């Protein structure tokens, strides 16, 4: 059955866990449903959070939202706060159920997430040795992990990089198709 969200904003991104569903859109629109989308509530974002919502990730306890150049954070029932102003556009966030994850974006933007703590992973395109991070200065488009240590990032030019140490080092991923 089709449900109306109650907004006229264009919706860009959706994520969910259990009964909780989040959707984001243009003009700093963020909606939440706690009943699998039957009803929706508009979420008030902090002053200064402007632009489009382009990425959302939740672990159930922790929720991260990218709105324009602001990274918003919410812990439990507390309201959203601006956690950080981003230097580049963020394109994707992955968050595991324990609150660990990764955020990626343009110009090699990569940040490890551990609950409420963010750690920038510097751009260093050395993918041949473990001396650098292996993060290329490219548009990093999406990120996912299959377990606590194995993750993948897609980037420009059909690039896929892989980590097997939780995101500290990344290497060019090649596979025969």
C-alpha atoms as a PDB file:
ATOM      1  CA  UNK A   1       0.000   0.000   0.000  1.00  0.00           C
ATOM      2  CA  UNK A   2       1.312   3.445  -0.939  1.00  0.00           C
ATOM      3  CA  UNK A   3       1.822   5.783   2.041  1.00  0.00           C
ATOM      4  CA  UNK A   4       2.158   9.561   1.795  1.00  0.00           C
ATOM      5  CA  UNK A   5       5.150  10.978   3.668  1.00  0.00           C
ATOM      6  CA  UNK A   6       3.569  14.387   4.211  1.00  0.00           C
ATOM      7  CA  UNK A   7       6.271  16.384   2.424  1.00  0.00           C
ATOM      8  CA  UNK A   8       6.518  18.038  -0.972  1.00  0.00           C
ATOM      9  CA  UNK A   9      10.341  17.852  -0.932  1.00  0.00           C
ATOM     10  CA  UNK A  10      12.093  15.540  -3.350  1.00  0.00           C
ATOM     11  CA  UNK A  11      13.312  12.553  -1.346  1.00  0.00           C
ATOM     12  CA  UNK A  12      16.863  11.365  -2.107  1.00  0.00           C
ATOM     13  CA  UNK A  13      17.883   8.767   0.440  1.00  0.00           C
ATOM     14  CA  UNK A  14      16.335   6.161   2.729  1.00  0.00           C
ATOM     15  CA  UNK A  15      17.588   3.799   5.411  1.00  0.00           C
ATOM     16  CA  UNK A  16      15.972   1.658   8.045  1.00  0.00           C
ATOM     17  CA  UNK A  17      16.535  -0.713  10.920  1.00  0.00           C
ATOM     18  CA  UNK A  18      13.735  -2.680  12.553  1.00  0.00           C
ATOM     19  CA  UNK A  19      10.567  -0.556  12.645  1.00  0.00           C
ATOM     20  CA  UNK A  20      12.577   2.669  12.273  1.00  0.00           C
ATOM     21  CA  UNK A  21      12.838   4.285   8.823  1.00  0.00           C
ATOM     22  CA  UNK A  22      14.594   7.563   7.924  1.00  0.00           C
ATOM     23  CA  UNK A  23      14.204   9.489   4.647  1.00  0.00           C
ATOM     24  CA  UNK A  24      15.999  12.632   3.556  1.00  0.00           C
ATOM     25  CA  UNK A  25      15.506  15.088   0.769  1.00  0.00           C
ATOM     26  CA  UNK A  26      15.889  18.565  -0.596  1.00  0.00           C
ATOM     27  CA  UNK A  27      15.860  21.706   1.548  1.00  0.00           C
ATOM     28  CA  UNK A  28      17.117  19.971   4.705  1.00  0.00           C
ATOM     29  CA  UNK A  29      14.128  17.623   4.795  1.00  0.00           C
ATOM     30  CA  UNK A  30      14.469  14.730   7.231  1.00  0.00           C
ATOM     31  CA  UNK A  31      11.565  12.453   8.127  1.00  0.00           C
ATOM     32  CA  UNK A  32      11.389   9.544  10.546  1.00  0.00           C
ATOM     33  CA  UNK A  33       8.912   6.712  10.928  1.00  0.00           C
ATOM     34  CA  UNK A  34       8.916   4.431  13.947  1.00  0.00           C
ATOM     35  CA  UNK A  35       6.240   2.124  12.512  1.00  0.00           C
ATOM     36  CA  UNK A  36       7.747   0.951   9.198  1.00  0.00           C
ATOM     37  CA  UNK A  37       6.481   3.962   7.245  1.00  0.00           C
ATOM     38  CA  UNK A  38       2.830   3.967   8.300  1.00  0.00           C
ATOM     39  CA  UNK A  39       3.231   7.437   9.857  1.00  0.00           C
ATOM     40  CA  UNK A  40       5.994  10.036   9.440  1.00  0.00           C
ATOM     41  CA  UNK A  41       7.381  12.838  11.616  1.00  0.00           C
ATOM     42  CA  UNK A  42       9.388  15.796  10.316  1.00  0.00           C
ATOM     43  CA  UNK A  43      12.648  16.089  12.254  1.00  0.00           C
ATOM     44  CA  UNK A  44      13.895  19.542  13.190  1.00  0.00           C
ATOM     45  CA  UNK A  45      17.540  19.927  12.261  1.00  0.00           C
ATOM     46  CA  UNK A  46      19.979  22.221  14.080  1.00  0.00           C
ATOM     47  CA  UNK A  47      20.397  25.835  12.999  1.00  0.00           C
ATOM     48  CA  UNK A  48      23.033  25.944  10.282  1.00  0.00           C
ATOM     49  CA  UNK A  49      22.095  22.597   8.717  1.00  0.00           C
ATOM     50  CA  UNK A  50      21.063  23.633   5.212  1.00  0.00           C
ATOM     51  CA  UNK A  51      21.046  22.039   1.784  1.00  0.00           C
ATOM     52  CA  UNK A  52      20.002  18.582   0.724  1.00  0.00           C
ATOM     53  CA  UNK A  53      20.115  15.445   2.838  1.00  0.00           C
ATOM     54  CA  UNK A  54      22.337  13.106   0.817  1.00  0.00           C
ATOM     55  CA  UNK A  55      23.258  10.287   3.203  1.00  0.00           C
ATOM     56  CA  UNK A  56      21.776   8.679   6.321  1.00  0.00           C
ATOM     57  CA  UNK A  57      22.997   5.782   8.447  1.00  0.00           C
ATOM     58  CA  UNK A  58      21.700   4.434  11.735  1.00  0.00           C
ATOM     59  CA  UNK A  59      22.717   1.687  14.101  1.00  0.00           C
ATOM     60  CA  UNK A  60      19.556   2.083  16.155  1.00  0.00           C
ATOM     61  CA  UNK A  61      21.446   3.987  18.858  1.00  0.00           C
ATOM     62  CA  UNK A  62      23.612   6.286  16.743  1.00  0.00           C
ATOM     63  CA  UNK A  63      22.322   8.132  13.672  1.00  0.00           C
ATOM     64  CA  UNK A  64      24.430  10.140  11.215  1.00  0.00           C
ATOM     65  CA  UNK A  65      22.953  12.412   8.531  1.00  0.00           C
ATOM     66  CA  UNK A  66      24.734  14.450   5.855  1.00  0.00           C
ATOM     67  CA  UNK A  67      22.892  17.699   5.158  1.00  0.00           C
ATOM     68  CA  UNK A  68      24.718  20.018   2.772  1.00  0.00           C
ATOM     69  CA  UNK A  69      28.231  20.322   4.187  1.00  0.00           C
ATOM     70  CA  UNK A  70      27.161  19.411   7.726  1.00  0.00           C
ATOM     71  CA  UNK A  71      27.560  16.005   9.323  1.00  0.00           C
ATOM     72  CA  UNK A  72      24.755  15.656  11.868  1.00  0.00           C
ATOM     73  CA  UNK A  73      24.813  13.227  14.776  1.00  0.00           C
ATOM     74  CA  UNK A  74      22.177  11.915  17.156  1.00  0.00           C
ATOM     75  CA  UNK A  75      22.643   9.591  20.110  1.00  0.00           C
ATOM     76  CA  UNK A  76      19.482   7.789  21.229  1.00  0.00           C
ATOM     77  CA  UNK A  77      16.590  10.167  21.870  1.00  0.00           C
ATOM     78  CA  UNK A  78      18.769  13.289  22.003  1.00  0.00           C
ATOM     79  CA  UNK A  79      18.251  15.879  19.237  1.00  0.00           C
ATOM     80  CA  UNK A  80      20.574  16.118  16.250  1.00  0.00           C
ATOM     81  CA  UNK A  81      23.702  18.252  16.586  1.00  0.00           C
ATOM     82  CA  UNK A  82      26.171  19.387  13.958  1.00  0.00           C
ATOM     83  CA  UNK A  83      29.049  17.000  14.600  1.00  0.00           C
ATOM     84  CA  UNK A  84      31.349  18.421  11.947  1.00  0.00           C
ATOM     85  CA  UNK A  85      31.462  20.765   8.972  1.00  0.00           C
ATOM     86  CA  UNK A  86      32.750  18.732   6.041  1.00  0.00           C
ATOM     87  CA  UNK A  87      35.463  19.990   3.693  1.00  0.00           C
ATOM     88  CA  UNK A  88      34.004  18.035   0.752  1.00  0.00           C
ATOM     89  CA  UNK A  89      30.633  16.613  -0.189  1.00  0.00           C
ATOM     90  CA  UNK A  90      29.882  13.313   1.541  1.00  0.00           C
ATOM     91  CA  UNK A  91      28.230  10.667  -0.631  1.00  0.00           C
ATOM     92  CA  UNK A  92      27.743   7.593   1.533  1.00  0.00           C
ATOM     93  CA  UNK A  93      27.782   6.408   5.140  1.00  0.00           C
ATOM     94  CA  UNK A  94      27.971   2.847   6.408  1.00  0.00           C
ATOM     95  CA  UNK A  95      27.160   2.166  10.058  1.00  0.00           C
ATOM     96  CA  UNK A  96      27.171  -1.286  11.688  1.00  0.00           C
ATOM     97  CA  UNK A  97      24.839  -2.227  14.535  1.00  0.00           C
ATOM     98  CA  UNK A  98      27.594  -1.495  17.076  1.00  0.00           C
ATOM     99  CA  UNK A  99      27.989   2.096  15.808  1.00  0.00           C
ATOM    100  CA  UNK A 100      31.243   1.604  13.897  1.00  0.00           C
ATOM    101  CA  UNK A 101      31.444   2.532  10.245  1.00  0.00           C
ATOM    102  CA  UNK A 102      32.776   4.784   7.524  1.00  0.00           C
ATOM    103  CA  UNK A 103      31.810   7.953   5.654  1.00  0.00           C
ATOM    104  CA  UNK A 104      33.115   8.673   2.131  1.00  0.00           C
ATOM    105  CA  UNK A 105      32.829  11.577  -0.295  1.00  0.00           C
ATOM    106  CA  UNK A 106      34.422  13.785  -2.913  1.00  0.00           C
ATOM    107  CA  UNK A 107      38.164  14.583  -3.068  1.00  0.00           C
ATOM    108  CA  UNK A 108      39.052  11.384  -1.207  1.00  0.00           C
ATOM    109  CA  UNK A 109      36.993  12.278   1.873  1.00  0.00           C
ATOM    110  CA  UNK A 110      37.070   9.228   4.158  1.00  0.00           C
ATOM    111  CA  UNK A 111      36.275   9.130   7.871  1.00  0.00           C
ATOM    112  CA  UNK A 112      36.160   6.161  10.211  1.00  0.00           C
ATOM    113  CA  UNK A 113      33.260   6.214  12.668  1.00  0.00           C
ATOM    114  CA  UNK A 114      33.323   4.671  16.115  1.00  0.00           C
ATOM    115  CA  UNK A 115      30.106   5.574  17.911  1.00  0.00           C
ATOM    116  CA  UNK A 116      30.337   9.320  18.483  1.00  0.00           C
ATOM    117  CA  UNK A 117      34.000   9.570  17.397  1.00  0.00           C
ATOM    118  CA  UNK A 118      35.156  10.473  13.867  1.00  0.00           C
ATOM    119  CA  UNK A 119      38.674   9.897  12.557  1.00  0.00           C
ATOM    120  CA  UNK A 120      39.806  11.326   9.226  1.00  0.00           C
ATOM    121  CA  UNK A 121      41.585   8.786   6.994  1.00  0.00           C
ATOM    122  CA  UNK A 122      44.086  10.864   5.002  1.00  0.00           C
ATOM    123  CA  UNK A 123      44.283  10.733   1.218  1.00  0.00           C
ATOM    124  CA  UNK A 124      47.356   8.686   0.278  1.00  0.00           C
ATOM    125  CA  UNK A 125      46.948   6.787  -2.933  1.00  0.00           C
ATOM    126  CA  UNK A 126      49.738   4.286  -2.188  1.00  0.00           C
ATOM    127  CA  UNK A 127      47.766   1.086  -2.747  1.00  0.00           C
ATOM    128  CA  UNK A 128      50.792  -1.147  -3.236  1.00  0.00           C
ATOM    129  CA  UNK A 129      52.262  -1.123   0.280  1.00  0.00           C
ATOM    130  CA  UNK A 130      50.860  -0.672   3.769  1.00  0.00           C
ATOM    131  CA  UNK A 131      52.890   2.530   4.207  1.00  0.00           C
ATOM    132  CA  UNK A 132      49.942   4.733   3.201  1.00  0.00           C
ATOM    133  CA  UNK A 133      46.194   4.572   3.651  1.00  0.00           C
ATOM    134  CA  UNK A 134      45.436   3.718   0.018  1.00  0.00           C
ATOM    135  CA  UNK A 135      42.627   6.304  -0.150  1.00  0.00           C
ATOM    136  CA  UNK A 136      42.789   7.921  -3.614  1.00  0.00           C
ATOM    137  CA  UNK A 137      42.017  11.594  -4.227  1.00  0.00           C
ATOM    138  CA  UNK A 138      38.895  10.691  -6.195  1.00  0.00           C
ATOM    139  CA  UNK A 139      35.168  10.926  -5.734  1.00  0.00           C
ATOM    140  CA  UNK A 140      34.409   8.105  -3.320  1.00  0.00           C
ATOM    141  CA  UNK A 141      30.828   7.162  -4.140  1.00  0.00           C
ATOM    142  CA  UNK A 142      29.724   4.419  -1.763  1.00  0.00           C
ATOM    143  CA  UNK A 143      30.997   2.347   1.137  1.00  0.00           C
ATOM    144  CA  UNK A 144      29.956  -0.941   2.722  1.00  0.00           C
ATOM    145  CA  UNK A 145      31.424  -3.568   5.014  1.00  0.00           C
ATOM    146  CA  UNK A 146      30.727  -7.308   4.991  1.00  0.00           C
ATOM    147  CA  UNK A 147      32.102  -7.776   8.511  1.00  0.00           C
ATOM    148  CA  UNK A 148      34.097  -5.783  11.111  1.00  0.00           C
ATOM    149  CA  UNK A 149      37.307  -5.729   9.060  1.00  0.00           C
ATOM    150  CA  UNK A 150      36.368  -6.248   5.389  1.00  0.00           C
ATOM    151  CA  UNK A 151      35.010  -3.268   3.498  1.00  0.00           C
ATOM    152  CA  UNK A 152      34.688  -1.862  -0.006  1.00  0.00           C
ATOM    153  CA  UNK A 153      34.563   1.644  -1.483  1.00  0.00           C
ATOM    154  CA  UNK A 154      33.523   2.473  -5.037  1.00  0.00           C
ATOM    155  CA  UNK A 155      35.107   5.506  -6.694  1.00  0.00           C
ATOM    156  CA  UNK A 156      35.455   7.316 -10.009  1.00  0.00           C
ATOM    157  CA  UNK A 157      36.867   5.522 -13.045  1.00  0.00           C
ATOM    158  CA  UNK A 158      35.273   2.181 -12.091  1.00  0.00           C
ATOM    159  CA  UNK A 159      37.590   1.924  -9.098  1.00  0.00           C
ATOM    160  CA  UNK A 160      36.848  -0.415  -6.210  1.00  0.00           C
ATOM    161  CA  UNK A 161      39.132  -0.451  -3.184  1.00  0.00           C
ATOM    162  CA  UNK A 162      39.073  -2.980  -0.371  1.00  0.00           C
ATOM    163  CA  UNK A 163      40.174  -3.053   3.255  1.00  0.00           C
ATOM    164  CA  UNK A 164      40.846  -6.119   5.375  1.00  0.00           C
ATOM    165  CA  UNK A 165      41.862  -4.232   8.524  1.00  0.00           C
ATOM    166  CA  UNK A 166      38.745  -2.243   9.375  1.00  0.00           C
ATOM    167  CA  UNK A 167      39.528   0.730   7.145  1.00  0.00           C
ATOM    168  CA  UNK A 168      43.076   1.684   8.121  1.00  0.00           C
ATOM    169  CA  UNK A 169      44.565   0.564   4.778  1.00  0.00           C
ATOM    170  CA  UNK A 170      42.866   0.206   1.387  1.00  0.00           C
ATOM    171  CA  UNK A 171      44.027  -1.636  -1.730  1.00  0.00           C
ATOM    172  CA  UNK A 172      42.816  -1.744  -5.310  1.00  0.00           C
ATOM    173  CA  UNK A 173      40.320  -4.583  -5.554  1.00  0.00           C
ATOM    174  CA  UNK A 174      40.477  -6.632  -8.727  1.00  0.00           C
ATOM    175  CA  UNK A 175      38.417  -9.664  -9.525  1.00  0.00           C
ATOM    176  CA  UNK A 176      37.795 -11.680 -12.645  1.00  0.00           C
ATOM    177  CA  UNK A 177      34.238 -11.211 -13.786  1.00  0.00           C
END
